[in-house]
C-alpha atoms as a PDB file:
ATOM      1  CA  THR A   1     -15.528 -25.048   6.320  1.00  0.00           C
ATOM      2  CA  SER A   2     -11.910 -24.616   7.296  1.00  0.00           C
ATOM      3  CA  LEU A   3     -10.207 -26.774   9.899  1.00  0.00           C
ATOM      4  CA  THR A   4      -9.167 -23.792  12.020  1.00  0.00           C
ATOM      5  CA  PRO A   5     -11.348 -21.496  14.138  1.00  0.00           C
ATOM      6  CA  SER A   6     -13.286 -18.856  12.211  1.00  0.00           C
ATOM      7  CA  VAL A   7     -11.546 -16.192  14.329  1.00  0.00           C
ATOM      8  CA  ILE A   8      -8.142 -16.548  16.014  1.00  0.00           C
ATOM      9  CA  LEU A   9      -6.684 -14.033  18.475  1.00  0.00           C
ATOM     10  CA  GLU A  10      -3.134 -14.756  19.606  1.00  0.00           C
ATOM     11  CA  ASP A  11      -0.794 -13.131  22.113  1.00  0.00           C
ATOM     12  CA  VAL A  12      -2.949 -10.048  22.759  1.00  0.00           C
ATOM     13  CA  GLU A  13      -1.540  -7.895  25.558  1.00  0.00           C
ATOM     14  CA  GLY A  14      -4.657  -5.881  26.406  1.00  0.00           C
ATOM     15  CA  PRO A  15      -8.147  -7.012  27.414  1.00  0.00           C
ATOM     16  CA  ILE A  16     -10.407  -8.759  24.888  1.00  0.00           C
ATOM     17  CA  ARG A  17     -14.187  -8.377  24.714  1.00  0.00           C
ATOM     18  CA  VAL A  18     -16.393 -10.265  22.245  1.00  0.00           C
ATOM     19  CA  GLU A  19     -20.104  -9.501  22.590  1.00  0.00           C
ATOM     20  CA  ASP A  20     -23.290 -10.385  20.654  1.00  0.00           C
ATOM     21  CA  CYS A  21     -21.426 -12.035  17.786  1.00  0.00           C
ATOM     22  CA  ARG A  22     -22.355 -14.995  15.571  1.00  0.00           C
ATOM     23  CA  PHE A  23     -19.773 -17.613  14.608  1.00  0.00           C
ATOM     24  CA  THR A  24     -20.224 -20.474  12.148  1.00  0.00           C
ATOM     25  CA  GLY A  25     -17.988 -23.364  11.186  1.00  0.00           C
ATOM     26  CA  GLN A  26     -15.108 -23.599  13.625  1.00  0.00           C
ATOM     27  CA  GLY A  27     -15.766 -20.941  16.259  1.00  0.00           C
ATOM     28  CA  LEU A  28     -13.354 -18.715  18.191  1.00  0.00           C
ATOM     29  CA  GLY A  29      -9.814 -19.354  19.430  1.00  0.00           C
ATOM     30  CA  ILE A  30      -8.009 -17.059  21.896  1.00  0.00           C
ATOM     31  CA  SER A  31      -4.503 -18.044  22.979  1.00  0.00           C
ATOM     32  CA  ASP A  32      -1.823 -16.504  25.181  1.00  0.00           C
ATOM     33  CA  ALA A  33      -4.058 -13.572  26.139  1.00  0.00           C
ATOM     34  CA  ARG A  34      -2.188 -11.581  28.777  1.00  0.00           C
ATOM     35  CA  ASP A  35      -5.214  -9.752  30.164  1.00  0.00           C
ATOM     36  CA  ALA A  36      -8.870 -10.513  30.847  1.00  0.00           C
ATOM     37  CA  VAL A  37     -11.143 -12.055  28.212  1.00  0.00           C
ATOM     38  CA  VAL A  38     -14.887 -11.313  28.210  1.00  0.00           C
ATOM     39  CA  LEU A  39     -17.358 -13.219  26.023  1.00  0.00           C
ATOM     40  CA  ALA A  40     -21.014 -12.228  26.338  1.00  0.00           C
ATOM     41  CA  GLY A  41     -24.135 -13.114  24.384  1.00  0.00           C
ATOM     42  CA  ASN A  42     -22.369 -14.950  21.558  1.00  0.00           C
ATOM     43  CA  ARG A  43     -23.765 -17.783  19.425  1.00  0.00           C
ATOM     44  CA  PHE A  44     -21.567 -20.478  17.919  1.00  0.00           C
ATOM     45  CA  ALA A  45     -22.909 -22.843  15.240  1.00  0.00           C
ATOM     46  CA  LEU A  46     -20.280 -25.496  14.585  1.00  0.00           C
ATOM     47  CA  SER A  47     -19.989 -27.616  11.458  1.00  0.00           C
ATOM     48  CA  SER A  48     -17.889 -30.806  11.819  1.00  0.00           C
ATOM     49  CA  ALA A  49     -15.642 -28.859  14.169  1.00  0.00           C
ATOM     50  CA  LEU A  50     -12.308 -30.485  14.985  1.00  0.00           C
ATOM     51  CA  LEU A  51     -11.374 -27.877  17.584  1.00  0.00           C
ATOM     52  CA  ALA A  52     -13.273 -26.267  20.438  1.00  0.00           C
ATOM     53  CA  GLY A  53     -16.124 -23.931  19.525  1.00  0.00           C
ATOM     54  CA  ILE A  54     -14.788 -21.594  22.215  1.00  0.00           C
ATOM     55  CA  GLY A  55     -11.099 -21.983  23.015  1.00  0.00           C
ATOM     56  CA  ILE A  56      -9.614 -19.649  25.629  1.00  0.00           C
ATOM     57  CA  ASP A  57      -6.106 -19.465  27.092  1.00  0.00           C
ATOM     58  CA  ALA A  58      -5.928 -16.239  29.084  1.00  0.00           C
ATOM     59  CA  ALA A  59      -4.955 -14.541  32.326  1.00  0.00           C
ATOM     60  CA  SER A  60      -8.623 -14.521  33.373  1.00  0.00           C
ATOM     61  CA  ALA A  61     -12.006 -14.852  31.715  1.00  0.00           C
ATOM     62  CA  THR A  62     -15.685 -14.022  32.102  1.00  0.00           C
ATOM     63  CA  LEU A  63     -18.245 -15.824  29.943  1.00  0.00           C
ATOM     64  CA  ASP A  64     -21.919 -14.858  30.101  1.00  0.00           C
ATOM     65  CA  ASP A  65     -24.856 -16.189  28.050  1.00  0.00           C
ATOM     66  CA  ASN A  66     -22.908 -18.036  25.358  1.00  0.00           C
ATOM     67  CA  ILE A  67     -24.508 -20.870  23.360  1.00  0.00           C
ATOM     68  CA  VAL A  68     -22.665 -23.457  21.274  1.00  0.00           C
ATOM     69  CA  THR A  69     -24.573 -25.762  18.933  1.00  0.00           C
ATOM     70  CA  GLY A  70     -23.790 -27.998  15.992  1.00  0.00           C
ATOM     71  CA  ASP A  71     -21.554 -30.891  15.068  1.00  0.00           C
ATOM     72  CA  GLY A  72     -18.379 -31.253  17.089  1.00  0.00           C
ATOM     73  CA  PHE A  73     -16.862 -32.785  20.221  1.00  0.00           C
ATOM     74  CA  ILE A  74     -15.780 -29.832  22.351  1.00  0.00           C
ATOM     75  CA  GLY A  75     -17.866 -26.731  22.901  1.00  0.00           C
ATOM     76  CA  LEU A  76     -15.529 -25.052  25.397  1.00  0.00           C
ATOM     77  CA  ALA A  77     -11.818 -25.443  26.118  1.00  0.00           C
ATOM     78  CA  LEU A  78     -10.757 -23.182  28.966  1.00  0.00           C
ATOM     79  CA  ALA A  79      -7.410 -22.524  30.635  1.00  0.00           C
ATOM     80  CA  VAL A  80      -6.847 -19.447  32.781  1.00  0.00           C
ATOM     81  CA  ARG A  81      -3.930 -18.479  34.939  1.00  0.00           C
ATOM     82  CA  GLY A  82      -6.210 -16.768  37.453  1.00  0.00           C
ATOM     83  CA  ASP A  83      -9.992 -16.735  37.871  1.00  0.00           C
ATOM     84  CA  ALA A  84     -12.797 -17.458  35.427  1.00  0.00           C
ATOM     85  CA  VAL A  85     -16.567 -17.141  35.758  1.00  0.00           C
ATOM     86  CA  VAL A  86     -18.739 -19.030  33.263  1.00  0.00           C
ATOM     87  CA  ARG A  87     -22.439 -18.205  33.600  1.00  0.00           C
ATOM     88  CA  ARG A  88     -25.393 -19.530  31.605  1.00  0.00           C
ATOM     89  CA  LEU A  89     -23.242 -21.477  29.170  1.00  0.00           C
ATOM     90  CA  ILE A  90     -25.172 -23.894  26.963  1.00  0.00           C
ATOM     91  CA  LEU A  91     -23.305 -26.648  25.117  1.00  0.00           C
ATOM     92  CA  GLU A  92     -25.931 -28.567  23.189  1.00  0.00           C
ATOM     93  CA  GLY A  93     -25.997 -32.177  22.013  1.00  0.00           C
ATOM     94  CA  ASP A  94     -22.691 -34.003  22.346  1.00  0.00           C
ATOM     95  CA  LEU A  95     -20.621 -30.863  22.828  1.00  0.00           C
ATOM     96  CA  GLY A  96     -18.474 -31.124  25.948  1.00  0.00           C
ATOM     97  CA  ALA A  97     -16.043 -28.989  27.915  1.00  0.00           C
ATOM     98  CA  VAL A  98     -12.347 -29.252  28.773  1.00  0.00           C
ATOM     99  CA  ILE A  99     -11.031 -27.255  31.746  1.00  0.00           C
ATOM    100  CA  ASP A 100      -7.366 -27.571  32.633  1.00  0.00           C
ATOM    101  CA  ALA A 101      -6.242 -24.623  34.758  1.00  0.00           C
ATOM    102  CA  GLY A 102      -7.314 -21.797  37.007  1.00  0.00           C
ATOM    103  CA  ARG A 103     -10.083 -21.191  39.524  1.00  0.00           C
ATOM    104  CA  VAL A 104     -13.309 -21.561  37.593  1.00  0.00           C
ATOM    105  CA  ALA A 105     -16.906 -20.931  38.651  1.00  0.00           C
ATOM    106  CA  LEU A 106     -19.500 -22.673  36.467  1.00  0.00           C
ATOM    107  CA  GLU A 107     -23.012 -21.375  37.105  1.00  0.00           C
ATOM    108  CA  ASP A 108     -26.536 -21.916  35.715  1.00  0.00           C
ATOM    109  CA  GLY A 109     -25.530 -23.742  32.543  1.00  0.00           C
ATOM    110  CA  THR A 110     -25.868 -26.981  30.610  1.00  0.00           C
ATOM    111  CA  ILE A 111     -23.119 -29.233  29.250  1.00  0.00           C
ATOM    112  CA  GLY A 112     -24.434 -31.911  26.924  1.00  0.00           C
ATOM    113  CA  GLY A 113     -21.231 -33.845  26.230  1.00  0.00           C
ATOM    114  CA  VAL A 114     -18.266 -35.125  28.228  1.00  0.00           C
ATOM    115  CA  THR A 115     -16.806 -32.757  30.824  1.00  0.00           C
ATOM    116  CA  GLN A 116     -13.033 -33.200  31.223  1.00  0.00           C
ATOM    117  CA  ILE A 117     -11.294 -31.577  34.182  1.00  0.00           C
ATOM    118  CA  THR A 118      -7.526 -32.013  34.060  1.00  0.00           C
ATOM    119  CA  GLY A 119      -6.424 -29.078  36.200  1.00  0.00           C
ATOM    120  CA  GLY A 120      -7.648 -26.135  38.201  1.00  0.00           C
ATOM    121  CA  ARG A 121     -10.258 -25.827  40.941  1.00  0.00           C
ATOM    122  CA  ILE A 122     -13.800 -25.821  39.572  1.00  0.00           C
ATOM    123  CA  GLN A 123     -16.935 -24.997  41.536  1.00  0.00           C
ATOM    124  CA  ALA A 124     -20.155 -25.887  39.697  1.00  0.00           C
ATOM    125  CA  ARG A 125     -23.439 -24.383  40.904  1.00  0.00           C
ATOM    126  CA  ARG A 126     -26.852 -25.088  39.415  1.00  0.00           C
ATOM    127  CA  MET A 127     -25.280 -26.877  36.453  1.00  0.00           C
ATOM    128  CA  ALA A 128     -26.939 -29.613  34.403  1.00  0.00           C
ATOM    129  CA  PHE A 129     -24.507 -32.247  33.155  1.00  0.00           C
ATOM    130  CA  SER A 130     -25.770 -34.770  30.601  1.00  0.00           C
ATOM    131  CA  SER A 131     -22.766 -37.048  30.078  1.00  0.00           C
ATOM    132  CA  VAL A 132     -19.543 -38.262  31.714  1.00  0.00           C
ATOM    133  CA  ILE A 133     -17.540 -36.063  34.091  1.00  0.00           C
ATOM    134  CA  ALA A 134     -13.891 -37.179  34.030  1.00  0.00           C
ATOM    135  CA  ILE A 135     -11.470 -35.711  36.597  1.00  0.00           C
ATOM    136  CA  SER A 136      -7.748 -36.358  36.281  1.00  0.00           C
ATOM    137  CA  GLY A 137      -4.378 -34.697  36.738  1.00  0.00           C
ATOM    138  CA  SER A 138      -4.588 -31.918  39.333  1.00  0.00           C
ATOM    139  CA  GLY A 139      -8.256 -31.141  38.699  1.00  0.00           C
ATOM    140  CA  LEU A 140     -10.653 -30.484  41.597  1.00  0.00           C
ATOM    141  CA  LEU A 141     -14.438 -30.319  41.287  1.00  0.00           C
ATOM    142  CA  GLY A 142     -17.014 -29.069  43.764  1.00  0.00           C
ATOM    143  CA  LEU A 143     -20.757 -29.454  43.143  1.00  0.00           C
ATOM    144  CA  SER A 144     -23.712 -27.470  44.483  1.00  0.00           C
ATOM    145  CA  ASP A 145     -27.374 -27.743  43.373  1.00  0.00           C
ATOM    146  CA  CYS A 146     -26.345 -29.617  40.228  1.00  0.00           C
ATOM    147  CA  ASP A 147     -28.242 -32.180  38.135  1.00  0.00           C
ATOM    148  CA  LEU A 148     -26.218 -35.409  38.038  1.00  0.00           C
ATOM    149  CA  THR A 149     -28.963 -38.023  37.933  1.00  0.00           C
ATOM    150  CA  THR A 150     -27.785 -39.892  34.831  1.00  0.00           C
ATOM    151  CA  VAL A 151     -24.168 -38.730  34.802  1.00  0.00           C
ATOM    152  CA  GLN A 152     -21.218 -41.088  35.201  1.00  0.00           C
ATOM    153  CA  ILE A 153     -18.426 -39.549  37.286  1.00  0.00           C
ATOM    154  CA  LEU A 154     -14.876 -40.818  36.884  1.00  0.00           C
ATOM    155  CA  ASP A 155     -12.495 -39.428  39.484  1.00  0.00           C
ATOM    156  CA  LEU A 156      -9.163 -40.695  38.164  1.00  0.00           C
ATOM    157  CA  ASN A 157      -6.962 -38.821  40.642  1.00  0.00           C
ATOM    158  CA  GLU A 158      -4.994 -40.913  43.099  1.00  0.00           C
ATOM    159  CA  THR A 159      -5.757 -38.382  45.811  1.00  0.00           C
ATOM    160  CA  GLY A 160      -9.317 -37.683  44.695  1.00  0.00           C
ATOM    161  CA  GLY A 161     -10.565 -34.662  42.794  1.00  0.00           C
ATOM    162  CA  LEU A 162     -14.171 -34.490  44.039  1.00  0.00           C
ATOM    163  CA  LEU A 163     -14.621 -31.916  46.777  1.00  0.00           C
ATOM    164  CA  ASN A 164     -17.987 -33.283  47.936  1.00  0.00           C
ATOM    165  CA  ASP A 165     -20.064 -36.442  47.616  1.00  0.00           C
ATOM    166  CA  PRO A 166     -21.765 -36.404  44.179  1.00  0.00           C
ATOM    167  CA  THR A 167     -24.630 -38.623  45.363  1.00  0.00           C
ATOM    168  CA  ASP A 168     -25.800 -35.624  47.393  1.00  0.00           C
ATOM    169  CA  GLN A 169     -26.334 -33.965  44.001  1.00  0.00           C
ATOM    170  CA  GLY A 170     -28.401 -36.841  42.622  1.00  0.00           C
ATOM    171  CA  ALA A 171     -25.631 -39.016  41.174  1.00  0.00           C
ATOM    172  CA  VAL A 172     -26.348 -42.756  41.133  1.00  0.00           C
ATOM    173  CA  PRO A 173     -23.757 -44.577  43.317  1.00  0.00           C
ATOM    174  CA  SER A 174     -23.109 -47.260  40.692  1.00  0.00           C
ATOM    175  CA  GLN A 175     -22.166 -44.499  38.218  1.00  0.00           C
ATOM    176  CA  VAL A 176     -19.505 -42.961  40.444  1.00  0.00           C
ATOM    177  CA  PHE A 177     -15.881 -44.125  40.442  1.00  0.00           C
ATOM    178  CA  SER A 178     -13.783 -42.410  43.087  1.00  0.00           C
ATOM    179  CA  SER A 179     -10.999 -43.241  45.512  1.00  0.00           C
ATOM    180  CA  ILE A 180     -12.427 -40.933  48.193  1.00  0.00           C
ATOM    181  CA  ASP A 181     -13.793 -42.038  51.554  1.00  0.00           C
ATOM    182  CA  PHE A 182     -16.666 -39.542  51.691  1.00  0.00           C
ATOM    183  CA  ASP A 183     -18.360 -41.028  54.761  1.00  0.00           C
ATOM    184  CA  ASN A 184     -15.084 -41.132  56.743  1.00  0.00           C
ATOM    185  CA  ASP A 185     -15.696 -44.658  58.067  1.00  0.00           C
ATOM    186  CA  GLU A 186     -13.209 -46.100  60.508  1.00  0.00           C
ATOM    187  CA  LYS A 187     -11.787 -48.465  57.859  1.00  0.00           C
ATOM    188  CA  HIS A 188     -11.339 -45.595  55.392  1.00  0.00           C
ATOM    189  CA  CYS A 189     -12.591 -47.482  52.365  1.00  0.00           C
ATOM    190  CA  ALA A 190     -13.376 -45.842  49.046  1.00  0.00           C
ATOM    191  CA  ASP A 191     -17.162 -45.441  48.853  1.00  0.00           C
ATOM    192  CA  TYR A 192     -17.770 -45.778  45.108  1.00  0.00           C
ATOM    193  CA  PRO A 193     -18.483 -47.917  43.274  1.00  0.00           C
ATOM    194  CA  PRO A 194     -20.122 -49.822  46.161  1.00  0.00           C
ATOM    195  CA  PRO A 195     -19.392 -52.056  47.901  1.00  0.00           C
ATOM    196  CA  GLN A 196     -15.747 -51.276  48.584  1.00  0.00           C
ATOM    197  CA  TYR A 197     -15.161 -53.827  51.350  1.00  0.00           C
ATOM    198  CA  GLN A 198     -15.111 -57.601  51.719  1.00  0.00           C
ATOM    199  CA  GLU A 199     -18.385 -58.678  53.304  1.00  0.00           C
ATOM    200  CA  GLU A 200     -16.743 -61.740  54.869  1.00  0.00           C
ATOM    201  CA  THR A 201     -13.748 -60.011  56.437  1.00  0.00           C
ATOM    202  CA  GLY A 202     -14.737 -56.332  56.407  1.00  0.00           C
ATOM    203  CA  GLU A 203     -11.448 -55.469  54.676  1.00  0.00           C
ATOM    204  CA  CYS A 204     -11.318 -52.696  52.097  1.00  0.00           C
ATOM    205  CA  LEU A 205     -11.284 -53.641  48.449  1.00  0.00           C
ATOM    206  CA  ARG A 206      -9.984 -50.183  47.677  1.00  0.00           C
ATOM    207  CA  SER A 207      -8.528 -47.880  50.282  1.00  0.00           C
ATOM    208  CA  GLY A 208     -10.060 -44.411  50.416  1.00  0.00           C
ATOM    209  CA  VAL A 209      -8.590 -40.985  50.942  1.00  0.00           C
ATOM    210  CA  PRO A 210     -10.281 -37.936  52.490  1.00  0.00           C
ATOM    211  CA  PRO A 211     -11.831 -35.371  50.134  1.00  0.00           C
ATOM    212  CA  PRO A 212      -9.315 -32.718  49.072  1.00  0.00           C
ATOM    213  CA  ARG A 213      -9.572 -29.256  50.571  1.00  0.00           C
END
């Protein structure tokens, strides 16, 4: 296979729609799209992929019922300048996702590998995550009805990128690293990983910040 995506679309001014297609090898790359991108019902079978199976840089995007399988590290790389909706996305095995801009709704999907959020405001609903969620840069993540039981969450933002307490979604406290004071205690200590205060003096080991809005 080649080391570039099977299909590359660059600097397209009008809308892009890719529906019910099959990709093998290195997937699909869309960059500098000036209008909306729609991907629906596509199947991506990667083979030693060095780039994302689905790579999108666009004004906005809608992804419905896309499945990425095979050998690679990143199933989806997404950056939008506006809004994106990603529904019923399945990234199998070790395939992860990278989201670094825009307002993104993730719904009813599965991400098998590492989820990296470096920018944008992401709201995940009914999502199953199977590996690490790493939040850095200006990324914000909200969670609702998600499966986080065995997922390690690394909130690396100084001001905190988690919009709500992940243990309410099933996350194990010892697998959460965050600077946020979710319970708003009077000492304002970071809650995870516990304990975040000196038992002898009651002083904070790590100061917490309120959840971002």
